Amino acid sequence: MTHIAVDQYGQTFPLHTKHPRKELLGYLGYKKAQRMFRDQVGGGSRHVGWVIGPHWLDVYKCEPLEQK
C-alpha cells in the first residue's frame, strides 16, 4: 500500500499505485475529481486530497516505520 484515503465519514480506501487520484476515480466509479485544499495556520493553503462525487477524501502517504 502506498497511500490511504479517508473520507468525511471515516471510510478508508487503501491505494496500491503511485497514482492515487486515478485509482480512487476507478474505485469509486467517477471520471472527474476536484482538488481539495486546507488552510495553513501561518496563511496560505495546501493540497490535501480530492473531492470525488459525494466523497471528500484526505490522502495520506504510507511509509515504512523502519529507518534506513
C-alpha atoms as a PDB file:
ATOM      1  CA  MET A   1       0.000   0.000   0.000  1.00  0.00           C
ATOM      2  CA  THR A   2       1.451   3.361  -0.994  1.00  0.00           C
ATOM      3  CA  HIS A   3      -1.362   5.702   0.074  1.00  0.00           C
ATOM      4  CA  ILE A   4      -4.567   5.614   2.088  1.00  0.00           C
ATOM      5  CA  ALA A   5      -7.585   7.846   1.573  1.00  0.00           C
ATOM      6  CA  VAL A   6     -10.088   8.717   4.307  1.00  0.00           C
ATOM      7  CA  ASP A   7     -13.427  10.351   3.507  1.00  0.00           C
ATOM      8  CA  GLN A   8     -15.510  12.646   5.713  1.00  0.00           C
ATOM      9  CA  TYR A   9     -17.372   9.667   7.213  1.00  0.00           C
ATOM     10  CA  GLY A  10     -14.194   7.815   8.231  1.00  0.00           C
ATOM     11  CA  GLN A  11     -14.317   5.233   5.439  1.00  0.00           C
ATOM     12  CA  THR A  12     -10.822   4.188   4.371  1.00  0.00           C
ATOM     13  CA  PHE A  13      -9.649   3.318   0.884  1.00  0.00           C
ATOM     14  CA  PRO A  14      -6.252   1.573   0.610  1.00  0.00           C
ATOM     15  CA  LEU A  15      -4.402   2.570  -2.561  1.00  0.00           C
ATOM     16  CA  HIS A  16      -1.703   0.442  -4.157  1.00  0.00           C
ATOM     17  CA  THR A  17      -0.365   2.501  -7.083  1.00  0.00           C
ATOM     18  CA  LYS A  18       1.723   5.654  -7.438  1.00  0.00           C
ATOM     19  CA  HIS A  19      -1.344   7.452  -8.841  1.00  0.00           C
ATOM     20  CA  PRO A  20      -3.887   7.719  -6.004  1.00  0.00           C
ATOM     21  CA  ARG A  21      -6.271  10.061  -7.858  1.00  0.00           C
ATOM     22  CA  LYS A  22      -6.621   7.722 -10.823  1.00  0.00           C
ATOM     23  CA  GLU A  23      -7.088   4.689  -8.568  1.00  0.00           C
ATOM     24  CA  LEU A  24      -9.743   6.473  -6.468  1.00  0.00           C
ATOM     25  CA  LEU A  25     -11.664   7.519  -9.587  1.00  0.00           C
ATOM     26  CA  GLY A  26     -11.736   3.923 -10.808  1.00  0.00           C
ATOM     27  CA  TYR A  27     -12.618   2.522  -7.389  1.00  0.00           C
ATOM     28  CA  LEU A  28     -15.498   4.983  -6.828  1.00  0.00           C
ATOM     29  CA  GLY A  29     -16.721   4.907 -10.451  1.00  0.00           C
ATOM     30  CA  TYR A  30     -16.310   8.597 -11.288  1.00  0.00           C
ATOM     31  CA  LYS A  31     -14.433  10.377 -14.078  1.00  0.00           C
ATOM     32  CA  LYS A  32     -13.701  13.776 -12.516  1.00  0.00           C
ATOM     33  CA  ALA A  33     -12.067  14.915  -9.310  1.00  0.00           C
ATOM     34  CA  GLN A  34     -11.573  18.369  -7.831  1.00  0.00           C
ATOM     35  CA  ARG A  35      -8.557  19.208  -5.732  1.00  0.00           C
ATOM     36  CA  MET A  36      -9.262  19.751  -2.033  1.00  0.00           C
ATOM     37  CA  PHE A  37      -7.243  22.322  -0.091  1.00  0.00           C
ATOM     38  CA  ARG A  38      -6.808  23.016   3.619  1.00  0.00           C
ATOM     39  CA  ASP A  39      -5.802  26.391   5.094  1.00  0.00           C
ATOM     40  CA  GLN A  40      -2.442  26.623   6.870  1.00  0.00           C
ATOM     41  CA  VAL A  41      -2.083  28.237  10.301  1.00  0.00           C
ATOM     42  CA  GLY A  42       0.522  30.707   9.026  1.00  0.00           C
ATOM     43  CA  GLY A  43      -1.517  31.597   5.938  1.00  0.00           C
ATOM     44  CA  GLY A  44      -1.884  30.039   2.533  1.00  0.00           C
ATOM     45  CA  SER A  45      -3.302  26.634   1.735  1.00  0.00           C
ATOM     46  CA  ARG A  46      -2.096  23.142   0.896  1.00  0.00           C
ATOM     47  CA  HIS A  47      -3.468  20.431  -1.406  1.00  0.00           C
ATOM     48  CA  VAL A  48      -4.567  17.540   0.867  1.00  0.00           C
ATOM     49  CA  GLY A  49      -6.775  15.345  -1.332  1.00  0.00           C
ATOM     50  CA  TRP A  50      -9.705  15.305  -3.723  1.00  0.00           C
ATOM     51  CA  VAL A  51     -13.459  15.731  -3.831  1.00  0.00           C
ATOM     52  CA  ILE A  52     -14.908  12.868  -5.873  1.00  0.00           C
ATOM     53  CA  GLY A  53     -18.684  12.690  -6.102  1.00  0.00           C
ATOM     54  CA  PRO A  54     -20.060  12.799  -2.531  1.00  0.00           C
ATOM     55  CA  HIS A  55     -16.650  11.908  -1.012  1.00  0.00           C
ATOM     56  CA  TRP A  56     -14.257  14.474   0.460  1.00  0.00           C
ATOM     57  CA  LEU A  57     -11.032  12.445   0.582  1.00  0.00           C
ATOM     58  CA  ASP A  58      -7.898  13.262   2.575  1.00  0.00           C
ATOM     59  CA  VAL A  59      -4.991  11.268   1.131  1.00  0.00           C
ATOM     60  CA  TYR A  60      -2.015  10.156   3.222  1.00  0.00           C
ATOM     61  CA  LYS A  61       1.262   8.653   2.030  1.00  0.00           C
ATOM     62  CA  CYS A  62       2.298   5.429   3.776  1.00  0.00           C
ATOM     63  CA  GLU A  63       5.938   4.920   4.705  1.00  0.00           C
ATOM     64  CA  PRO A  64       7.619   2.001   6.473  1.00  0.00           C
ATOM     65  CA  LEU A  65       8.262   2.505  10.168  1.00  0.00           C
ATOM     66  CA  GLU A  66      11.799   1.137   9.980  1.00  0.00           C
ATOM     67  CA  GLN A  67      14.584   3.595   9.252  1.00  0.00           C
ATOM     68  CA  LYS A  68      17.325   3.087   6.681  1.00  0.00           C
END
